[in-house]
Amino acid sequence: MAASFVWGCGMEIVQLFISLGALDVSGSPVLSFVFRNSIYSGVFAMVGGLALVPLVGLFTAKTRPSNVDETFSCYSENKTVGITDHLGK
């Protein structure tokens, strides 16, 4: 999730520098298309972020807190409830 955030913020910061004239990407046809305006770069930031989350998830270690089983152990107990004719009575 952090990778998606960094990707999106990075794309929009680059767009800001291009809009201010600090960067020039007119030499690259792909970059000049992506950063033509903030709408295009925003779309690529979102789509890139959506693709980045599962890709990063494939290559990073899975974490699991040590007390998960203990925390949810109450859900493994069976409870029996008597049947009533009317709910709420």
C-alpha atoms as a PDB file:
ATOM      1  CA  MET A   1       0.000   0.000   0.000  1.00  0.00           C
ATOM      2  CA  ALA A   2       2.858   2.360   0.747  1.00  0.00           C
ATOM      3  CA  ALA A   3       4.305   1.631  -2.690  1.00  0.00           C
ATOM      4  CA  SER A   4       1.055   2.755  -4.311  1.00  0.00           C
ATOM      5  CA  PHE A   5       1.072   5.954  -2.257  1.00  0.00           C
ATOM      6  CA  VAL A   6       4.693   6.718  -3.185  1.00  0.00           C
ATOM      7  CA  TRP A   7       3.975   5.959  -6.856  1.00  0.00           C
ATOM      8  CA  GLY A   8       0.938   8.271  -6.993  1.00  0.00           C
ATOM      9  CA  CYS A   9       2.607  11.104  -5.108  1.00  0.00           C
ATOM     10  CA  GLY A  10       5.713  10.770  -7.250  1.00  0.00           C
ATOM     11  CA  MET A  11       3.701  10.946 -10.456  1.00  0.00           C
ATOM     12  CA  GLU A  12       1.884  14.061  -9.325  1.00  0.00           C
ATOM     13  CA  ILE A  13       5.055  15.758  -8.103  1.00  0.00           C
ATOM     14  CA  VAL A  14       6.630  15.144 -11.509  1.00  0.00           C
ATOM     15  CA  GLN A  15       3.461  16.575 -13.102  1.00  0.00           C
ATOM     16  CA  LEU A  16       3.775  19.646 -10.877  1.00  0.00           C
ATOM     17  CA  PHE A  17       7.399  20.220 -11.917  1.00  0.00           C
ATOM     18  CA  ILE A  18       6.465  19.813 -15.579  1.00  0.00           C
ATOM     19  CA  SER A  19       3.570  22.261 -15.195  1.00  0.00           C
ATOM     20  CA  LEU A  20       5.887  24.778 -13.542  1.00  0.00           C
ATOM     21  CA  GLY A  21       8.436  24.386 -16.341  1.00  0.00           C
ATOM     22  CA  ALA A  22      11.167  22.859 -14.163  1.00  0.00           C
ATOM     23  CA  LEU A  23      11.162  19.592 -16.176  1.00  0.00           C
ATOM     24  CA  ASP A  24      10.874  19.007 -19.901  1.00  0.00           C
ATOM     25  CA  VAL A  25       9.701  15.608 -21.178  1.00  0.00           C
ATOM     26  CA  SER A  26       8.983  16.655 -24.762  1.00  0.00           C
ATOM     27  CA  GLY A  27      11.817  14.425 -26.021  1.00  0.00           C
ATOM     28  CA  SER A  28      10.048  11.221 -25.010  1.00  0.00           C
ATOM     29  CA  PRO A  29       6.774  10.428 -26.788  1.00  0.00           C
ATOM     30  CA  VAL A  30       5.561   8.182 -23.940  1.00  0.00           C
ATOM     31  CA  LEU A  31       6.343  10.653 -21.155  1.00  0.00           C
ATOM     32  CA  SER A  32       4.964  13.594 -23.117  1.00  0.00           C
ATOM     33  CA  PHE A  33       1.684  11.651 -23.519  1.00  0.00           C
ATOM     34  CA  VAL A  34       1.505  10.624 -19.854  1.00  0.00           C
ATOM     35  CA  PHE A  35       2.305  14.101 -18.574  1.00  0.00           C
ATOM     36  CA  ARG A  36       0.320  16.034 -21.205  1.00  0.00           C
ATOM     37  CA  ASN A  37      -1.946  17.323 -18.441  1.00  0.00           C
ATOM     38  CA  SER A  38      -2.783  16.498 -14.847  1.00  0.00           C
ATOM     39  CA  ILE A  39      -5.807  14.368 -15.809  1.00  0.00           C
ATOM     40  CA  TYR A  40      -3.660  11.955 -17.836  1.00  0.00           C
ATOM     41  CA  SER A  41      -0.965  11.734 -15.187  1.00  0.00           C
ATOM     42  CA  GLY A  42      -3.643  11.212 -12.509  1.00  0.00           C
ATOM     43  CA  VAL A  43      -5.113   8.305 -14.463  1.00  0.00           C
ATOM     44  CA  PHE A  44      -1.687   6.719 -14.891  1.00  0.00           C
ATOM     45  CA  ALA A  45      -0.969   7.281 -11.192  1.00  0.00           C
ATOM     46  CA  MET A  46      -4.170   5.456 -10.197  1.00  0.00           C
ATOM     47  CA  VAL A  47      -3.806   2.601 -12.695  1.00  0.00           C
ATOM     48  CA  GLY A  48      -0.139   2.210 -11.821  1.00  0.00           C
ATOM     49  CA  GLY A  49      -0.994   2.116  -8.128  1.00  0.00           C
ATOM     50  CA  LEU A  50      -3.634  -0.562  -8.725  1.00  0.00           C
ATOM     51  CA  ALA A  51      -1.101  -2.691 -10.572  1.00  0.00           C
ATOM     52  CA  LEU A  52       1.660  -2.010  -8.064  1.00  0.00           C
ATOM     53  CA  VAL A  53      -0.148  -3.277  -4.948  1.00  0.00           C
ATOM     54  CA  PRO A  54      -0.442  -6.948  -6.017  1.00  0.00           C
ATOM     55  CA  LEU A  55       3.037  -6.918  -7.578  1.00  0.00           C
ATOM     56  CA  VAL A  56       4.658  -5.657  -4.389  1.00  0.00           C
ATOM     57  CA  GLY A  57       2.550  -8.145  -2.430  1.00  0.00           C
ATOM     58  CA  LEU A  58       4.018 -11.022  -4.448  1.00  0.00           C
ATOM     59  CA  PHE A  59       7.580 -10.079  -3.565  1.00  0.00           C
ATOM     60  CA  THR A  60       7.262  -9.015   0.064  1.00  0.00           C
ATOM     61  CA  ALA A  61       7.106 -11.182   3.152  1.00  0.00           C
ATOM     62  CA  LYS A  62       3.722 -11.909   4.643  1.00  0.00           C
ATOM     63  CA  THR A  63       3.350 -10.723   8.230  1.00  0.00           C
ATOM     64  CA  ARG A  64       1.081 -12.150  10.879  1.00  0.00           C
ATOM     65  CA  PRO A  65       0.958 -10.914  14.450  1.00  0.00           C
ATOM     66  CA  SER A  66       1.739 -13.589  17.017  1.00  0.00           C
ATOM     67  CA  ASN A  67      -1.477 -13.177  19.020  1.00  0.00           C
ATOM     68  CA  VAL A  68      -4.061 -13.545  16.206  1.00  0.00           C
ATOM     69  CA  ASP A  69      -5.134 -17.066  17.201  1.00  0.00           C
ATOM     70  CA  GLU A  70      -5.458 -16.054  20.851  1.00  0.00           C
ATOM     71  CA  THR A  71      -7.428 -12.912  20.005  1.00  0.00           C
ATOM     72  CA  PHE A  72     -10.018 -14.748  17.921  1.00  0.00           C
ATOM     73  CA  SER A  73     -10.170 -17.958  19.984  1.00  0.00           C
ATOM     74  CA  CYS A  74     -13.579 -16.970  21.401  1.00  0.00           C
ATOM     75  CA  TYR A  75     -15.123 -17.562  17.973  1.00  0.00           C
ATOM     76  CA  SER A  76     -14.306 -21.271  18.027  1.00  0.00           C
ATOM     77  CA  GLU A  77     -16.613 -21.926  21.000  1.00  0.00           C
ATOM     78  CA  ASN A  78     -20.062 -23.378  20.212  1.00  0.00           C
ATOM     79  CA  LYS A  79     -23.061 -21.739  21.847  1.00  0.00           C
ATOM     80  CA  THR A  80     -26.572 -23.203  21.997  1.00  0.00           C
ATOM     81  CA  VAL A  81     -29.552 -20.882  22.080  1.00  0.00           C
ATOM     82  CA  GLY A  82     -33.060 -22.013  22.878  1.00  0.00           C
ATOM     83  CA  ILE A  83     -35.706 -21.465  20.198  1.00  0.00           C
ATOM     84  CA  THR A  84     -38.524 -19.026  20.978  1.00  0.00           C
ATOM     85  CA  ASP A  85     -41.760 -18.440  19.104  1.00  0.00           C
ATOM     86  CA  HIS A  86     -41.335 -14.658  18.851  1.00  0.00           C
ATOM     87  CA  LEU A  87     -38.212 -12.604  18.488  1.00  0.00           C
ATOM     88  CA  GLY A  88     -37.834 -10.089  21.276  1.00  0.00           C
ATOM     89  CA  LYS A  89     -40.194 -11.835  23.745  1.00  0.00           C
END
